Structures are given as C-alpha cells and as structure tokens.
C-alpha cells in the first residue's frame, strides 16, 4: 500500500475554498455547530453524515476543525459547477454500488497517515430529511480500518435552502457532532461477515439519528441512539 499525500496545490486551494464556503453559509443562513469537542484532532477517523442535498458536504468540511478528505460520487464530477468544486477540493471519486478494491486501498492509506475521511453511508442524496438505509460500504471501512467513526447529524440542508436564502429567510443550518463510535473487530466469516458489515453500517446511522429530530430518522425511526 502506497502512502497517501495531498498535492501542495490542493492544500492551497482548500484554504481559499473553505474560507469562501464558510462566508457563503454565514451570509445565506444561520449556522450552528455543536459537539466539536468530540473530534479526536490529529488522529485517523471516519466522519459519517446523513446526506440530504448538495449542501451537506461543503457544510461539513467548511466548519470541521480539520481539513478532511472526502469521497464523492463519480457522476457528480460530470456536472460543470459541482464537478469543478469537487476537483478543486480534491474529492475522491467513487462509483455508486459494487465493491472497489482500489478505492478501499486509498481509504486505508488516508487513514493510515492519520487523516480523517468524510463519507455518506446512505450512498446518495435522499432529497428529503428522512434517512434511507445505509449501504454496506462504511461496514467495509470499519472492518478493515479499525478506526473510530464520528457520527454527524445535519439539519436544514434541504434542497430548497438556496431558494429560501434568496428570499432573505436565512434558514437555520445545524451540524451536530456525536461522540466517536468504537467497533470491535469483525471476526465472522461468509454470510455472517456480510451481515456484520450491514449491522455496523446501521449502527452508525442509528447514532446519526440520535443527533437529529424525529422527522429525520426515516427507516431508523424508533432506533435512534442518543
């Protein structure tokens, strides 16, 4: 496994991009961040967030106390505006669905050098506040990386955020950071191993649900862990 390094030009671009996004969010909305004391600064961990709209990832990375790496759907890179922003930040493209050994190795390399990584366990935007069931992808990462997962609950980042902002509403945006989740090693084999991955993915989502109002719980209604 090769070591992961961030190109200098990406590091420089991130400084300006994140500053611009922080200013934009504070201008268009009212931002509230809680739980920053739960972030284990300087150690490797995975940031797992609920994913409603395109406004989620920029909000997380803009107000996060470190500059995390980000995984993003490959098809989004094809969209002119969004693709440019993803490229400037250095987002890592992933093909939705299926197993990607090269991507997993890159993720492990990122974590091995002590960096953090943002992932949306649902695998795609829900376009509604209610959460969908997690894909098993984060279960793979938990199994192989053996690092803590930081659950993040986002409120207010709905598809109509921009439209409401343009009307002068200044919508409330909230990012609630939960305590690190530590997972035991996955020792099961075969079908049981696949089930364990999904169970771990669901457990992450239940912790995220515990940071959100009930109308955001979706398929995890009644299962939230506070």
C-alpha atoms as a PDB file:
ATOM      1  CA  UNK A   1       0.000   0.000   0.000  1.00  0.00           C
ATOM      2  CA  UNK A   2       1.452   3.357  -1.046  1.00  0.00           C
ATOM      3  CA  UNK A   3       1.426   6.330   1.309  1.00  0.00           C
ATOM      4  CA  UNK A   4      -1.238   8.966   0.757  1.00  0.00           C
ATOM      5  CA  UNK A   5      -0.063  12.504   0.038  1.00  0.00           C
ATOM      6  CA  UNK A   6      -2.058  15.639  -0.719  1.00  0.00           C
ATOM      7  CA  UNK A   7      -0.594  17.737  -3.556  1.00  0.00           C
ATOM      8  CA  UNK A   8       0.535  21.199  -2.463  1.00  0.00           C
ATOM      9  CA  UNK A   9      -1.755  22.932  -4.969  1.00  0.00           C
ATOM     10  CA  UNK A  10      -4.757  21.128  -3.452  1.00  0.00           C
ATOM     11  CA  UNK A  11      -3.735  22.188   0.071  1.00  0.00           C
ATOM     12  CA  UNK A  12      -3.557  25.820  -1.052  1.00  0.00           C
ATOM     13  CA  UNK A  13      -6.852  25.692  -2.945  1.00  0.00           C
ATOM     14  CA  UNK A  14      -8.610  24.185   0.088  1.00  0.00           C
ATOM     15  CA  UNK A  15      -7.702  27.159   2.244  1.00  0.00           C
ATOM     16  CA  UNK A  16      -9.430  29.604  -0.091  1.00  0.00           C
ATOM     17  CA  UNK A  17     -12.338  27.300  -0.973  1.00  0.00           C
ATOM     18  CA  UNK A  18     -13.253  26.554   2.643  1.00  0.00           C
ATOM     19  CA  UNK A  19     -12.995  30.208   3.604  1.00  0.00           C
ATOM     20  CA  UNK A  20     -15.341  31.107   0.742  1.00  0.00           C
ATOM     21  CA  UNK A  21     -17.870  28.452   1.741  1.00  0.00           C
ATOM     22  CA  UNK A  22     -17.852  29.498   5.396  1.00  0.00           C
ATOM     23  CA  UNK A  23     -18.568  33.073   4.353  1.00  0.00           C
ATOM     24  CA  UNK A  24     -21.301  31.928   1.962  1.00  0.00           C
ATOM     25  CA  UNK A  25     -23.092  29.779   4.539  1.00  0.00           C
ATOM     26  CA  UNK A  26     -22.917  32.507   7.176  1.00  0.00           C
ATOM     27  CA  UNK A  27     -24.263  35.039   4.687  1.00  0.00           C
ATOM     28  CA  UNK A  28     -27.118  32.890   3.372  1.00  0.00           C
ATOM     29  CA  UNK A  29     -28.076  31.103   6.596  1.00  0.00           C
ATOM     30  CA  UNK A  30     -27.569  30.851  10.332  1.00  0.00           C
ATOM     31  CA  UNK A  31     -25.003  28.172  11.165  1.00  0.00           C
ATOM     32  CA  UNK A  32     -24.978  26.266  14.446  1.00  0.00           C
ATOM     33  CA  UNK A  33     -22.285  23.679  15.204  1.00  0.00           C
ATOM     34  CA  UNK A  34     -22.325  21.514  18.337  1.00  0.00           C
ATOM     35  CA  UNK A  35     -20.059  18.744  19.615  1.00  0.00           C
ATOM     36  CA  UNK A  36     -16.708  19.911  18.252  1.00  0.00           C
ATOM     37  CA  UNK A  37     -15.151  18.699  21.482  1.00  0.00           C
ATOM     38  CA  UNK A  38     -15.902  15.149  20.277  1.00  0.00           C
ATOM     39  CA  UNK A  39     -13.449  15.387  17.366  1.00  0.00           C
ATOM     40  CA  UNK A  40     -10.176  13.484  18.077  1.00  0.00           C
ATOM     41  CA  UNK A  41      -7.887  16.042  16.447  1.00  0.00           C
ATOM     42  CA  UNK A  42      -4.734  14.658  14.859  1.00  0.00           C
ATOM     43  CA  UNK A  43      -5.846  11.016  14.779  1.00  0.00           C
ATOM     44  CA  UNK A  44      -7.442   8.955  11.979  1.00  0.00           C
ATOM     45  CA  UNK A  45     -11.241   8.625  11.978  1.00  0.00           C
ATOM     46  CA  UNK A  46     -14.220   8.443   9.631  1.00  0.00           C
ATOM     47  CA  UNK A  47     -16.868  11.182   9.573  1.00  0.00           C
ATOM     48  CA  UNK A  48     -20.297   9.700   8.756  1.00  0.00           C
ATOM     49  CA  UNK A  49     -23.097  12.129   7.885  1.00  0.00           C
ATOM     50  CA  UNK A  50     -26.705  11.987   6.760  1.00  0.00           C
ATOM     51  CA  UNK A  51     -26.992  13.173   3.168  1.00  0.00           C
ATOM     52  CA  UNK A  52     -29.987  15.232   2.060  1.00  0.00           C
ATOM     53  CA  UNK A  53     -28.619  17.540  -0.635  1.00  0.00           C
ATOM     54  CA  UNK A  54     -25.559  19.029  -2.330  1.00  0.00           C
ATOM     55  CA  UNK A  55     -25.251  21.481   0.577  1.00  0.00           C
ATOM     56  CA  UNK A  56     -24.174  18.779   3.067  1.00  0.00           C
ATOM     57  CA  UNK A  57     -20.505  18.014   2.225  1.00  0.00           C
ATOM     58  CA  UNK A  58     -19.431  21.682   1.878  1.00  0.00           C
ATOM     59  CA  UNK A  59     -21.074  22.489   5.208  1.00  0.00           C
ATOM     60  CA  UNK A  60     -19.256  19.668   6.991  1.00  0.00           C
ATOM     61  CA  UNK A  61     -15.781  20.360   5.575  1.00  0.00           C
ATOM     62  CA  UNK A  62     -16.143  24.144   5.904  1.00  0.00           C
ATOM     63  CA  UNK A  63     -16.870  24.079   9.629  1.00  0.00           C
ATOM     64  CA  UNK A  64     -14.860  20.993  10.586  1.00  0.00           C
ATOM     65  CA  UNK A  65     -11.843  21.721  12.848  1.00  0.00           C
ATOM     66  CA  UNK A  66      -9.544  19.835  10.433  1.00  0.00           C
ATOM     67  CA  UNK A  67      -9.465  19.505   6.631  1.00  0.00           C
ATOM     68  CA  UNK A  68     -10.822  16.008   5.995  1.00  0.00           C
ATOM     69  CA  UNK A  69     -10.620  14.003   2.806  1.00  0.00           C
ATOM     70  CA  UNK A  70     -13.954  13.456   1.055  1.00  0.00           C
ATOM     71  CA  UNK A  71     -15.480  10.659  -1.019  1.00  0.00           C
ATOM     72  CA  UNK A  72     -17.914  11.797  -3.728  1.00  0.00           C
ATOM     73  CA  UNK A  73     -19.986  10.092  -6.411  1.00  0.00           C
ATOM     74  CA  UNK A  74     -18.097   9.921  -9.715  1.00  0.00           C
ATOM     75  CA  UNK A  75     -21.106  11.050 -11.751  1.00  0.00           C
ATOM     76  CA  UNK A  76     -21.194  14.385  -9.900  1.00  0.00           C
ATOM     77  CA  UNK A  77     -17.788  15.234 -11.412  1.00  0.00           C
ATOM     78  CA  UNK A  78     -19.531  15.371 -14.797  1.00  0.00           C
ATOM     79  CA  UNK A  79     -21.695  18.312 -13.668  1.00  0.00           C
ATOM     80  CA  UNK A  80     -19.921  21.535 -14.634  1.00  0.00           C
ATOM     81  CA  UNK A  81     -20.241  23.598 -11.441  1.00  0.00           C
ATOM     82  CA  UNK A  82     -20.294  20.811  -8.863  1.00  0.00           C
ATOM     83  CA  UNK A  83     -17.550  18.871 -10.633  1.00  0.00           C
ATOM     84  CA  UNK A  84     -15.252  21.894 -10.592  1.00  0.00           C
ATOM     85  CA  UNK A  85     -15.699  22.387  -6.840  1.00  0.00           C
ATOM     86  CA  UNK A  86     -15.049  18.696  -6.182  1.00  0.00           C
ATOM     87  CA  UNK A  87     -11.892  18.798  -8.281  1.00  0.00           C
ATOM     88  CA  UNK A  88     -10.612  21.945  -6.573  1.00  0.00           C
ATOM     89  CA  UNK A  89     -11.018  20.349  -3.143  1.00  0.00           C
ATOM     90  CA  UNK A  90      -9.512  17.066  -4.271  1.00  0.00           C
ATOM     91  CA  UNK A  91     -12.578  14.902  -3.633  1.00  0.00           C
ATOM     92  CA  UNK A  92     -12.021  11.192  -4.279  1.00  0.00           C
ATOM     93  CA  UNK A  93     -14.493   9.815  -6.859  1.00  0.00           C
ATOM     94  CA  UNK A  94     -16.380   6.601  -6.181  1.00  0.00           C
ATOM     95  CA  UNK A  95     -18.670   4.602  -8.433  1.00  0.00           C
ATOM     96  CA  UNK A  96     -22.018   4.026  -6.736  1.00  0.00           C
ATOM     97  CA  UNK A  97     -22.741   0.390  -5.958  1.00  0.00           C
ATOM     98  CA  UNK A  98     -20.367  -2.551  -6.081  1.00  0.00           C
ATOM     99  CA  UNK A  99     -17.032  -3.274  -4.430  1.00  0.00           C
ATOM    100  CA  UNK A 100     -13.981  -1.176  -5.344  1.00  0.00           C
ATOM    101  CA  UNK A 101     -10.685  -2.613  -4.100  1.00  0.00           C
ATOM    102  CA  UNK A 102      -8.614   0.347  -5.376  1.00  0.00           C
ATOM    103  CA  UNK A 103     -10.858   2.823  -3.550  1.00  0.00           C
ATOM    104  CA  UNK A 104     -10.693   0.803  -0.336  1.00  0.00           C
ATOM    105  CA  UNK A 105      -6.897   0.760  -0.502  1.00  0.00           C
ATOM    106  CA  UNK A 106      -6.847   4.530  -0.969  1.00  0.00           C
ATOM    107  CA  UNK A 107      -9.182   4.976   2.016  1.00  0.00           C
ATOM    108  CA  UNK A 108      -6.951   2.789   4.176  1.00  0.00           C
ATOM    109  CA  UNK A 109      -3.904   4.778   3.029  1.00  0.00           C
ATOM    110  CA  UNK A 110      -5.625   8.036   4.009  1.00  0.00           C
ATOM    111  CA  UNK A 111      -6.429   6.735   7.467  1.00  0.00           C
ATOM    112  CA  UNK A 112      -3.009   5.149   7.902  1.00  0.00           C
ATOM    113  CA  UNK A 113      -1.292   8.542   7.613  1.00  0.00           C
ATOM    114  CA  UNK A 114      -3.553   9.908  10.351  1.00  0.00           C
ATOM    115  CA  UNK A 115      -6.084  11.844   8.277  1.00  0.00           C
ATOM    116  CA  UNK A 116      -9.875  11.935   8.553  1.00  0.00           C
ATOM    117  CA  UNK A 117     -12.391  10.999   5.874  1.00  0.00           C
ATOM    118  CA  UNK A 118     -15.983  12.093   5.154  1.00  0.00           C
ATOM    119  CA  UNK A 119     -18.476   9.525   3.904  1.00  0.00           C
ATOM    120  CA  UNK A 120     -22.263   9.435   3.483  1.00  0.00           C
ATOM    121  CA  UNK A 121     -23.318   5.889   4.451  1.00  0.00           C
ATOM    122  CA  UNK A 122     -26.596   6.217   2.519  1.00  0.00           C
ATOM    123  CA  UNK A 123     -24.567   6.313  -0.681  1.00  0.00           C
ATOM    124  CA  UNK A 124     -26.562   9.121  -2.311  1.00  0.00           C
ATOM    125  CA  UNK A 125     -28.622  12.184  -1.522  1.00  0.00           C
ATOM    126  CA  UNK A 126     -32.059  11.408  -0.093  1.00  0.00           C
ATOM    127  CA  UNK A 127     -33.569  14.771  -1.244  1.00  0.00           C
ATOM    128  CA  UNK A 128     -35.835  14.549   1.823  1.00  0.00           C
ATOM    129  CA  UNK A 129     -34.950  14.892   5.524  1.00  0.00           C
ATOM    130  CA  UNK A 130     -35.875  11.262   6.313  1.00  0.00           C
ATOM    131  CA  UNK A 131     -32.824   8.973   6.170  1.00  0.00           C
ATOM    132  CA  UNK A 132     -32.555   5.963   3.896  1.00  0.00           C
ATOM    133  CA  UNK A 133     -30.922   2.702   4.916  1.00  0.00           C
ATOM    134  CA  UNK A 134     -27.127   2.705   4.877  1.00  0.00           C
ATOM    135  CA  UNK A 135     -25.213   0.886   2.176  1.00  0.00           C
ATOM    136  CA  UNK A 136     -22.659  -1.657   3.467  1.00  0.00           C
ATOM    137  CA  UNK A 137     -19.696   0.437   2.223  1.00  0.00           C
ATOM    138  CA  UNK A 138     -18.956   2.016   5.582  1.00  0.00           C
ATOM    139  CA  UNK A 139     -19.089  -1.505   7.035  1.00  0.00           C
ATOM    140  CA  UNK A 140     -16.140  -2.450   4.797  1.00  0.00           C
ATOM    141  CA  UNK A 141     -14.202   0.559   6.037  1.00  0.00           C
ATOM    142  CA  UNK A 142     -14.981  -0.194   9.684  1.00  0.00           C
ATOM    143  CA  UNK A 143     -13.871  -3.791   9.203  1.00  0.00           C
ATOM    144  CA  UNK A 144     -10.558  -3.021   7.508  1.00  0.00           C
ATOM    145  CA  UNK A 145      -9.530   0.328   9.006  1.00  0.00           C
ATOM    146  CA  UNK A 146     -10.288  -0.239  12.697  1.00  0.00           C
ATOM    147  CA  UNK A 147     -10.661   3.494  13.390  1.00  0.00           C
ATOM    148  CA  UNK A 148     -13.427   5.408  15.227  1.00  0.00           C
ATOM    149  CA  UNK A 149     -16.473   6.684  13.365  1.00  0.00           C
ATOM    150  CA  UNK A 150     -17.725  10.184  14.199  1.00  0.00           C
ATOM    151  CA  UNK A 151     -21.490  10.472  13.553  1.00  0.00           C
ATOM    152  CA  UNK A 152     -22.684  13.823  12.208  1.00  0.00           C
ATOM    153  CA  UNK A 153     -26.309  14.911  12.027  1.00  0.00           C
ATOM    154  CA  UNK A 154     -27.153  17.708   9.582  1.00  0.00           C
ATOM    155  CA  UNK A 155     -30.368  19.709   9.866  1.00  0.00           C
ATOM    156  CA  UNK A 156     -31.729  22.320   7.457  1.00  0.00           C
ATOM    157  CA  UNK A 157     -29.658  21.412   4.382  1.00  0.00           C
ATOM    158  CA  UNK A 158     -32.721  20.663   2.280  1.00  0.00           C
ATOM    159  CA  UNK A 159     -32.891  21.140  -1.496  1.00  0.00           C
ATOM    160  CA  UNK A 160     -34.766  24.419  -1.059  1.00  0.00           C
ATOM    161  CA  UNK A 161     -32.004  26.012   1.056  1.00  0.00           C
ATOM    162  CA  UNK A 162     -30.724  28.203  -1.789  1.00  0.00           C
ATOM    163  CA  UNK A 163     -34.204  29.304  -2.857  1.00  0.00           C
ATOM    164  CA  UNK A 164     -35.176  30.206   0.702  1.00  0.00           C
ATOM    165  CA  UNK A 165     -31.907  32.094   1.160  1.00  0.00           C
ATOM    166  CA  UNK A 166     -32.528  34.121  -1.981  1.00  0.00           C
ATOM    167  CA  UNK A 167     -35.863  35.161  -0.449  1.00  0.00           C
ATOM    168  CA  UNK A 168     -33.943  36.529   2.531  1.00  0.00           C
ATOM    169  CA  UNK A 169     -35.091  33.887   5.025  1.00  0.00           C
ATOM    170  CA  UNK A 170     -31.583  32.944   6.304  1.00  0.00           C
ATOM    171  CA  UNK A 171     -32.512  29.313   7.096  1.00  0.00           C
ATOM    172  CA  UNK A 172     -31.095  27.634  10.190  1.00  0.00           C
ATOM    173  CA  UNK A 173     -28.331  25.139   9.408  1.00  0.00           C
ATOM    174  CA  UNK A 174     -27.202  22.757  12.133  1.00  0.00           C
ATOM    175  CA  UNK A 175     -24.277  20.358  12.338  1.00  0.00           C
ATOM    176  CA  UNK A 176     -24.321  18.116  15.395  1.00  0.00           C
ATOM    177  CA  UNK A 177     -21.148  16.105  16.005  1.00  0.00           C
ATOM    178  CA  UNK A 178     -21.529  12.969  18.085  1.00  0.00           C
ATOM    179  CA  UNK A 179     -19.057  11.049  20.200  1.00  0.00           C
ATOM    180  CA  UNK A 180     -16.676   8.584  18.496  1.00  0.00           C
ATOM    181  CA  UNK A 181     -18.068   5.100  17.915  1.00  0.00           C
ATOM    182  CA  UNK A 182     -15.543   2.313  18.531  1.00  0.00           C
ATOM    183  CA  UNK A 183     -16.240  -1.002  16.802  1.00  0.00           C
ATOM    184  CA  UNK A 184     -14.898  -4.419  17.784  1.00  0.00           C
ATOM    185  CA  UNK A 185     -13.030  -6.420  15.138  1.00  0.00           C
ATOM    186  CA  UNK A 186     -15.222  -8.289  12.658  1.00  0.00           C
ATOM    187  CA  UNK A 187     -14.433 -11.991  13.100  1.00  0.00           C
ATOM    188  CA  UNK A 188     -17.394 -13.582  11.333  1.00  0.00           C
ATOM    189  CA  UNK A 189     -16.990 -15.414   8.023  1.00  0.00           C
ATOM    190  CA  UNK A 190     -19.033 -15.663   4.816  1.00  0.00           C
ATOM    191  CA  UNK A 191     -22.667 -14.609   5.084  1.00  0.00           C
ATOM    192  CA  UNK A 192     -22.267 -13.719   8.755  1.00  0.00           C
ATOM    193  CA  UNK A 193     -19.435 -11.358   7.817  1.00  0.00           C
ATOM    194  CA  UNK A 194     -21.622  -9.550   5.274  1.00  0.00           C
ATOM    195  CA  UNK A 195     -24.392  -9.310   7.852  1.00  0.00           C
ATOM    196  CA  UNK A 196     -21.939  -7.840  10.384  1.00  0.00           C
ATOM    197  CA  UNK A 197     -20.919  -5.148   7.888  1.00  0.00           C
ATOM    198  CA  UNK A 198     -24.522  -4.116   7.363  1.00  0.00           C
ATOM    199  CA  UNK A 199     -25.215  -4.197  11.093  1.00  0.00           C
ATOM    200  CA  UNK A 200     -22.246  -1.882  11.701  1.00  0.00           C
ATOM    201  CA  UNK A 201     -23.455   0.443   8.940  1.00  0.00           C
ATOM    202  CA  UNK A 202     -26.926   0.500  10.504  1.00  0.00           C
ATOM    203  CA  UNK A 203     -25.421   1.163  13.926  1.00  0.00           C
ATOM    204  CA  UNK A 204     -23.665   4.244  12.560  1.00  0.00           C
ATOM    205  CA  UNK A 205     -26.971   5.504  11.157  1.00  0.00           C
ATOM    206  CA  UNK A 206     -28.724   4.912  14.472  1.00  0.00           C
ATOM    207  CA  UNK A 207     -26.123   7.120  16.159  1.00  0.00           C
ATOM    208  CA  UNK A 208     -26.652   9.770  13.476  1.00  0.00           C
ATOM    209  CA  UNK A 209     -30.409   9.527  14.080  1.00  0.00           C
ATOM    210  CA  UNK A 210     -29.734  10.252  17.746  1.00  0.00           C
ATOM    211  CA  UNK A 211     -28.357  13.648  16.701  1.00  0.00           C
ATOM    212  CA  UNK A 212     -31.385  14.536  14.572  1.00  0.00           C
ATOM    213  CA  UNK A 213     -35.042  15.488  15.136  1.00  0.00           C
ATOM    214  CA  UNK A 214     -37.511  12.604  14.743  1.00  0.00           C
ATOM    215  CA  UNK A 215     -38.718  13.666  11.295  1.00  0.00           C
ATOM    216  CA  UNK A 216     -35.186  12.986  10.006  1.00  0.00           C
ATOM    217  CA  UNK A 217     -34.991   9.387  11.286  1.00  0.00           C
ATOM    218  CA  UNK A 218     -36.642   7.768   8.253  1.00  0.00           C
ATOM    219  CA  UNK A 219     -36.055   3.995   8.171  1.00  0.00           C
ATOM    220  CA  UNK A 220     -34.313   4.287  11.543  1.00  0.00           C
ATOM    221  CA  UNK A 221     -37.414   5.601  13.313  1.00  0.00           C
ATOM    222  CA  UNK A 222     -37.575   4.187  16.828  1.00  0.00           C
ATOM    223  CA  UNK A 223     -33.937   3.008  16.633  1.00  0.00           C
ATOM    224  CA  UNK A 224     -32.035   6.222  17.425  1.00  0.00           C
ATOM    225  CA  UNK A 225     -29.128   6.014  19.869  1.00  0.00           C
ATOM    226  CA  UNK A 226     -28.683   9.206  21.892  1.00  0.00           C
END
